[in-house]
Amino acid sequence: MMLSHEGQVALARCHVEKGRDIIARQHRLIERNRAKGFNTVISEELLLLFETTQTIFEGDLERLLQRMLL
């Protein structure tokens, strides 16, 4: 089933919001573990992946919103 344009925008907004929450949570996890003296290299690599994905989500949302203006 194909989503309407409004449905696509709503889904993209949801992805962006959830992505921001995940990134914030990962930052907190890294800070806590670093303060405890733990190695955070893998957590930081995962954060980079989350941030890359977030850039894609935000770009998708922006493109969808631009289509609404046309």
PDB file of N, CA and C in Angstrom:
ATOM      1  N   MET A   1       0.842  -1.184   0.000  1.00  0.00           N
ATOM      2  CA  MET A   1       0.000   0.000   0.000  1.00  0.00           C
ATOM      3  C   MET A   1       0.885   1.243   0.000  1.00  0.00           C
ATOM      4  N   MET A   2       0.567   2.171  -0.849  1.00  0.00           N
ATOM      5  CA  MET A   2       1.341   3.402  -0.999  1.00  0.00           C
ATOM      6  C   MET A   2       0.790   4.458  -0.054  1.00  0.00           C
ATOM      7  N   LEU A   3       1.695   5.119   0.665  1.00  0.00           N
ATOM      8  CA  LEU A   3       1.292   6.195   1.558  1.00  0.00           C
ATOM      9  C   LEU A   3       1.011   7.464   0.759  1.00  0.00           C
ATOM     10  N   SER A   4       0.043   8.244   1.222  1.00  0.00           N
ATOM     11  CA  SER A   4      -0.185   9.560   0.634  1.00  0.00           C
ATOM     12  C   SER A   4       1.027  10.442   0.943  1.00  0.00           C
ATOM     13  N   HIS A   5       1.095  11.571   0.268  1.00  0.00           N
ATOM     14  CA  HIS A   5       2.208  12.485   0.526  1.00  0.00           C
ATOM     15  C   HIS A   5       2.196  12.914   1.995  1.00  0.00           C
ATOM     16  N   GLU A   6       1.025  13.186   2.540  1.00  0.00           N
ATOM     17  CA  GLU A   6       0.908  13.578   3.945  1.00  0.00           C
ATOM     18  C   GLU A   6       1.363  12.447   4.862  1.00  0.00           C
ATOM     19  N   GLY A   7       1.059  11.219   4.490  1.00  0.00           N
ATOM     20  CA  GLY A   7       1.498  10.063   5.257  1.00  0.00           C
ATOM     21  C   GLY A   7       3.004   9.902   5.220  1.00  0.00           C
ATOM     22  N   GLN A   8       3.587  10.171   4.048  1.00  0.00           N
ATOM     23  CA  GLN A   8       5.038  10.100   3.914  1.00  0.00           C
ATOM     24  C   GLN A   8       5.714  11.153   4.787  1.00  0.00           C
ATOM     25  N   VAL A   9       5.149  12.358   4.816  1.00  0.00           N
ATOM     26  CA  VAL A   9       5.703  13.431   5.649  1.00  0.00           C
ATOM     27  C   VAL A   9       5.598  13.052   7.120  1.00  0.00           C
ATOM     28  N   ALA A  10       4.453  12.532   7.522  1.00  0.00           N
ATOM     29  CA  ALA A  10       4.264  12.134   8.921  1.00  0.00           C
ATOM     30  C   ALA A  10       5.260  11.046   9.313  1.00  0.00           C
ATOM     31  N   LEU A  11       5.466  10.078   8.451  1.00  0.00           N
ATOM     32  CA  LEU A  11       6.415   9.007   8.736  1.00  0.00           C
ATOM     33  C   LEU A  11       7.839   9.546   8.801  1.00  0.00           C
ATOM     34  N   ALA A  12       8.185  10.444   7.889  1.00  0.00           N
ATOM     35  CA  ALA A  12       9.524  11.041   7.892  1.00  0.00           C
ATOM     36  C   ALA A  12       9.746  11.851   9.168  1.00  0.00           C
ATOM     37  N   ARG A  13       8.738  12.591   9.591  1.00  0.00           N
ATOM     38  CA  ARG A  13       8.858  13.364  10.844  1.00  0.00           C
ATOM     39  C   ARG A  13       9.066  12.432  12.030  1.00  0.00           C
ATOM     40  N   CYS A  14       8.358  11.320  12.038  1.00  0.00           N
ATOM     41  CA  CYS A  14       8.503  10.327  13.108  1.00  0.00           C
ATOM     42  C   CYS A  14       9.935   9.780  13.120  1.00  0.00           C
ATOM     43  N   HIS A  15      10.471   9.465  11.955  1.00  0.00           N
ATOM     44  CA  HIS A  15      11.843   8.957  11.861  1.00  0.00           C
ATOM     45  C   HIS A  15      12.842   9.980  12.387  1.00  0.00           C
ATOM     46  N   VAL A  16      12.649  11.240  12.024  1.00  0.00           N
ATOM     47  CA  VAL A  16      13.555  12.302  12.470  1.00  0.00           C
ATOM     48  C   VAL A  16      13.492  12.434  13.988  1.00  0.00           C
ATOM     49  N   GLU A  17      12.292  12.450  14.531  1.00  0.00           N
ATOM     50  CA  GLU A  17      12.134  12.590  15.987  1.00  0.00           C
ATOM     51  C   GLU A  17      12.759  11.415  16.735  1.00  0.00           C
ATOM     52  N   LYS A  18      12.472  10.207  16.285  1.00  0.00           N
ATOM     53  CA  LYS A  18      13.047   9.023  16.934  1.00  0.00           C
ATOM     54  C   LYS A  18      14.569   9.008  16.797  1.00  0.00           C
ATOM     55  N   GLY A  19      15.057   9.411  15.632  1.00  0.00           N
ATOM     56  CA  GLY A  19      16.504   9.461  15.422  1.00  0.00           C
ATOM     57  C   GLY A  19      17.184  10.425  16.377  1.00  0.00           C
ATOM     58  N   ARG A  20      16.556  11.574  16.588  1.00  0.00           N
ATOM     59  CA  ARG A  20      17.126  12.547  17.534  1.00  0.00           C
ATOM     60  C   ARG A  20      17.182  11.971  18.948  1.00  0.00           C
ATOM     61  N   ASP A  21      16.130  11.256  19.331  1.00  0.00           N
ATOM     62  CA  ASP A  21      16.104  10.629  20.657  1.00  0.00           C
ATOM     63  C   ASP A  21      17.211   9.581  20.792  1.00  0.00           C
ATOM     64  N   ILE A  22      17.380   8.778  19.757  1.00  0.00           N
ATOM     65  CA  ILE A  22      18.408   7.729  19.783  1.00  0.00           C
ATOM     66  C   ILE A  22      19.800   8.347  19.897  1.00  0.00           C
ATOM     67  N   ILE A  23      20.043   9.407  19.145  1.00  0.00           N
ATOM     68  CA  ILE A  23      21.349  10.069  19.180  1.00  0.00           C
ATOM     69  C   ILE A  23      21.609  10.663  20.553  1.00  0.00           C
ATOM     70  N   ALA A  24      20.625  11.310  21.127  1.00  0.00           N
ATOM     71  CA  ALA A  24      20.789  11.899  22.464  1.00  0.00           C
ATOM     72  C   ALA A  24      21.079  10.816  23.500  1.00  0.00           C
ATOM     73  N   ARG A  25      20.364   9.709  23.401  1.00  0.00           N
ATOM     74  CA  ARG A  25      20.569   8.594  24.336  1.00  0.00           C
ATOM     75  C   ARG A  25      21.977   8.016  24.180  1.00  0.00           C
ATOM     76  N   GLN A  26      22.437   7.896  22.942  1.00  0.00           N
ATOM     77  CA  GLN A  26      23.777   7.350  22.694  1.00  0.00           C
ATOM     78  C   GLN A  26      24.851   8.286  23.244  1.00  0.00           C
ATOM     79  N   HIS A  27      24.649   9.599  23.083  1.00  0.00           N
ATOM     80  CA  HIS A  27      25.590  10.566  23.661  1.00  0.00           C
ATOM     81  C   HIS A  27      25.674  10.388  25.181  1.00  0.00           C
ATOM     82  N   ARG A  28      24.520  10.252  25.831  1.00  0.00           N
ATOM     83  CA  ARG A  28      24.513  10.072  27.288  1.00  0.00           C
ATOM     84  C   ARG A  28      25.220   8.784  27.695  1.00  0.00           C
ATOM     85  N   LEU A  29      24.991   7.726  26.948  1.00  0.00           N
ATOM     86  CA  LEU A  29      25.630   6.443  27.231  1.00  0.00           C
ATOM     87  C   LEU A  29      27.142   6.561  27.124  1.00  0.00           C
ATOM     88  N   ILE A  30      27.604   7.203  26.079  1.00  0.00           N
ATOM     89  CA  ILE A  30      29.049   7.385  25.884  1.00  0.00           C
ATOM     90  C   ILE A  30      29.638   8.204  27.032  1.00  0.00           C
ATOM     91  N   GLU A  31      28.974   9.288  27.386  1.00  0.00           N
ATOM     92  CA  GLU A  31      29.468  10.132  28.482  1.00  0.00           C
ATOM     93  C   GLU A  31      29.558   9.343  29.791  1.00  0.00           C
ATOM     94  N   ARG A  32      28.507   8.582  30.097  1.00  0.00           N
ATOM     95  CA  ARG A  32      28.512   7.764  31.331  1.00  0.00           C
ATOM     96  C   ARG A  32      29.633   6.749  31.319  1.00  0.00           C
ATOM     97  N   ASN A  33      29.780   6.046  30.227  1.00  0.00           N
ATOM     98  CA  ASN A  33      30.799   5.004  30.148  1.00  0.00           C
ATOM     99  C   ASN A  33      32.209   5.584  30.149  1.00  0.00           C
ATOM    100  N   ARG A  34      32.383   6.724  29.486  1.00  0.00           N
ATOM    101  CA  ARG A  34      33.685   7.377  29.491  1.00  0.00           C
ATOM    102  C   ARG A  34      34.051   7.818  30.919  1.00  0.00           C
ATOM    103  N   ALA A  35      33.067   8.352  31.657  1.00  0.00           N
ATOM    104  CA  ALA A  35      33.300   8.790  33.040  1.00  0.00           C
ATOM    105  C   ALA A  35      33.687   7.615  33.943  1.00  0.00           C
ATOM    106  N   LYS A  36      33.207   6.414  33.598  1.00  0.00           N
ATOM    107  CA  LYS A  36      33.541   5.213  34.368  1.00  0.00           C
ATOM    108  C   LYS A  36      34.857   4.587  33.909  1.00  0.00           C
ATOM    109  N   GLY A  37      35.468   5.167  32.890  1.00  0.00           N
ATOM    110  CA  GLY A  37      36.746   4.662  32.401  1.00  0.00           C
ATOM    111  C   GLY A  37      36.630   3.535  31.392  1.00  0.00           C
ATOM    112  N   PHE A  38      35.433   3.324  30.856  1.00  0.00           N
ATOM    113  CA  PHE A  38      35.239   2.258  29.883  1.00  0.00           C
ATOM    114  C   PHE A  38      35.675   2.710  28.494  1.00  0.00           C
ATOM    115  N   ASN A  39      36.038   1.755  27.669  1.00  0.00           N
ATOM    116  CA  ASN A  39      36.368   2.008  26.273  1.00  0.00           C
ATOM    117  C   ASN A  39      35.061   2.307  25.531  1.00  0.00           C
ATOM    118  N   THR A  40      34.998   3.436  24.849  1.00  0.00           N
ATOM    119  CA  THR A  40      33.769   3.839  24.162  1.00  0.00           C
ATOM    120  C   THR A  40      33.900   3.840  22.640  1.00  0.00           C
ATOM    121  N   VAL A  41      34.943   3.231  22.132  1.00  0.00           N
ATOM    122  CA  VAL A  41      35.190   3.270  20.683  1.00  0.00           C
ATOM    123  C   VAL A  41      34.010   2.690  19.899  1.00  0.00           C
ATOM    124  N   ILE A  42      33.535   1.538  20.282  1.00  0.00           N
ATOM    125  CA  ILE A  42      32.422   0.911  19.548  1.00  0.00           C
ATOM    126  C   ILE A  42      31.156   1.754  19.681  1.00  0.00           C
ATOM    127  N   SER A  43      30.907   2.286  20.868  1.00  0.00           N
ATOM    128  CA  SER A  43      29.739   3.143  21.075  1.00  0.00           C
ATOM    129  C   SER A  43      29.824   4.398  20.218  1.00  0.00           C
ATOM    130  N   GLU A  44      31.022   4.936  20.068  1.00  0.00           N
ATOM    131  CA  GLU A  44      31.213   6.121  19.237  1.00  0.00           C
ATOM    132  C   GLU A  44      31.026   5.799  17.758  1.00  0.00           C
ATOM    133  N   GLU A  45      31.462   4.622  17.338  1.00  0.00           N
ATOM    134  CA  GLU A  45      31.244   4.200  15.950  1.00  0.00           C
ATOM    135  C   GLU A  45      29.752   4.041  15.673  1.00  0.00           C
ATOM    136  N   LEU A  46      29.029   3.484  16.631  1.00  0.00           N
ATOM    137  CA  LEU A  46      27.587   3.329  16.489  1.00  0.00           C
ATOM    138  C   LEU A  46      26.919   4.705  16.434  1.00  0.00           C
ATOM    139  N   LEU A  47      27.384   5.635  17.254  1.00  0.00           N
ATOM    140  CA  LEU A  47      26.852   6.996  17.225  1.00  0.00           C
ATOM    141  C   LEU A  47      27.048   7.608  15.837  1.00  0.00           C
ATOM    142  N   LEU A  48      28.200   7.416  15.246  1.00  0.00           N
ATOM    143  CA  LEU A  48      28.462   7.936  13.905  1.00  0.00           C
ATOM    144  C   LEU A  48      27.464   7.353  12.894  1.00  0.00           C
ATOM    145  N   LEU A  49      27.171   6.075  13.017  1.00  0.00           N
ATOM    146  CA  LEU A  49      26.185   5.444  12.144  1.00  0.00           C
ATOM    147  C   LEU A  49      24.807   6.064  12.361  1.00  0.00           C
ATOM    148  N   PHE A  50      24.423   6.269  13.632  1.00  0.00           N
ATOM    149  CA  PHE A  50      23.138   6.911  13.932  1.00  0.00           C
ATOM    150  C   PHE A  50      23.080   8.315  13.329  1.00  0.00           C
ATOM    151  N   GLU A  51      24.174   9.063  13.464  1.00  0.00           N
ATOM    152  CA  GLU A  51      24.198  10.428  12.942  1.00  0.00           C
ATOM    153  C   GLU A  51      24.129  10.453  11.417  1.00  0.00           C
ATOM    154  N   THR A  52      24.775   9.500  10.776  1.00  0.00           N
ATOM    155  CA  THR A  52      24.705   9.398   9.318  1.00  0.00           C
ATOM    156  C   THR A  52      23.286   9.083   8.876  1.00  0.00           C
ATOM    157  N   THR A  53      22.661   8.161   9.566  1.00  0.00           N
ATOM    158  CA  THR A  53      21.276   7.800   9.265  1.00  0.00           C
ATOM    159  C   THR A  53      20.357   8.995   9.500  1.00  0.00           C
ATOM    160  N   GLN A  54      20.607   9.735  10.575  1.00  0.00           N
ATOM    161  CA  GLN A  54      19.799  10.916  10.882  1.00  0.00           C
ATOM    162  C   GLN A  54      19.896  11.952   9.771  1.00  0.00           C
ATOM    163  N   THR A  55      21.066  12.121   9.213  1.00  0.00           N
ATOM    164  CA  THR A  55      21.239  13.059   8.105  1.00  0.00           C
ATOM    165  C   THR A  55      20.366  12.645   6.923  1.00  0.00           C
ATOM    166  N   ILE A  56      20.300  11.354   6.668  1.00  0.00           N
ATOM    167  CA  ILE A  56      19.454  10.835   5.585  1.00  0.00           C
ATOM    168  C   ILE A  56      17.990  11.096   5.895  1.00  0.00           C
ATOM    169  N   PHE A  57      17.559  10.801   7.130  1.00  0.00           N
ATOM    170  CA  PHE A  57      16.163  11.024   7.524  1.00  0.00           C
ATOM    171  C   PHE A  57      15.784  12.494   7.375  1.00  0.00           C
ATOM    172  N   GLU A  58      16.658  13.384   7.835  1.00  0.00           N
ATOM    173  CA  GLU A  58      16.360  14.805   7.764  1.00  0.00           C
ATOM    174  C   GLU A  58      16.324  15.288   6.314  1.00  0.00           C
ATOM    175  N   GLY A  59      17.200  14.760   5.484  1.00  0.00           N
ATOM    176  CA  GLY A  59      17.180  15.094   4.060  1.00  0.00           C
ATOM    177  C   GLY A  59      15.903  14.628   3.391  1.00  0.00           C
ATOM    178  N   ASP A  60      15.460  13.420   3.721  1.00  0.00           N
ATOM    179  CA  ASP A  60      14.205  12.904   3.170  1.00  0.00           C
ATOM    180  C   ASP A  60      13.034  13.795   3.567  1.00  0.00           C
ATOM    181  N   LEU A  61      12.984  14.179   4.842  1.00  0.00           N
ATOM    182  CA  LEU A  61      11.905  15.046   5.310  1.00  0.00           C
ATOM    183  C   LEU A  61      11.944  16.383   4.577  1.00  0.00           C
ATOM    184  N   GLU A  62      13.115  16.955   4.442  1.00  0.00           N
ATOM    185  CA  GLU A  62      13.241  18.236   3.744  1.00  0.00           C
ATOM    186  C   GLU A  62      12.752  18.139   2.300  1.00  0.00           C
ATOM    187  N   ARG A  63      13.119  17.060   1.609  1.00  0.00           N
ATOM    188  CA  ARG A  63      12.669  16.878   0.222  1.00  0.00           C
ATOM    189  C   ARG A  63      11.151  16.739   0.152  1.00  0.00           C
ATOM    190  N   LEU A  64      10.576  16.001   1.087  1.00  0.00           N
ATOM    191  CA  LEU A  64       9.124  15.839   1.107  1.00  0.00           C
ATOM    192  C   LEU A  64       8.426  17.175   1.366  1.00  0.00           C
ATOM    193  N   LEU A  65       8.970  17.951   2.288  1.00  0.00           N
ATOM    194  CA  LEU A  65       8.373  19.260   2.586  1.00  0.00           C
ATOM    195  C   LEU A  65       8.512  20.203   1.410  1.00  0.00           C
ATOM    196  N   GLN A  66       9.632  20.150   0.700  1.00  0.00           N
ATOM    197  CA  GLN A  66       9.825  20.989  -0.484  1.00  0.00           C
ATOM    198  C   GLN A  66       8.795  20.640  -1.571  1.00  0.00           C
ATOM    199  N   ARG A  67       8.494  19.346  -1.701  1.00  0.00           N
ATOM    200  CA  ARG A  67       7.484  18.914  -2.691  1.00  0.00           C
ATOM    201  C   ARG A  67       6.128  19.492  -2.372  1.00  0.00           C
ATOM    202  N   MET A  68       5.848  19.687  -1.076  1.00  0.00           N
ATOM    203  CA  MET A  68       4.553  20.255  -0.685  1.00  0.00           C
ATOM    204  C   MET A  68       4.446  21.705  -1.141  1.00  0.00           C
ATOM    205  N   LEU A  69       5.578  22.396  -1.235  1.00  0.00           N
ATOM    206  CA  LEU A  69       5.572  23.803  -1.612  1.00  0.00           C
ATOM    207  C   LEU A  69       5.428  24.007  -3.115  1.00  0.00           C
ATOM    208  N   LEU A  70       5.682  22.969  -3.888  1.00  0.00           N
ATOM    209  CA  LEU A  70       5.610  23.090  -5.366  1.00  0.00           C
ATOM    210  C   LEU A  70       4.199  23.005  -5.863  1.00  0.00           C
TER     211      LEU A  70
END
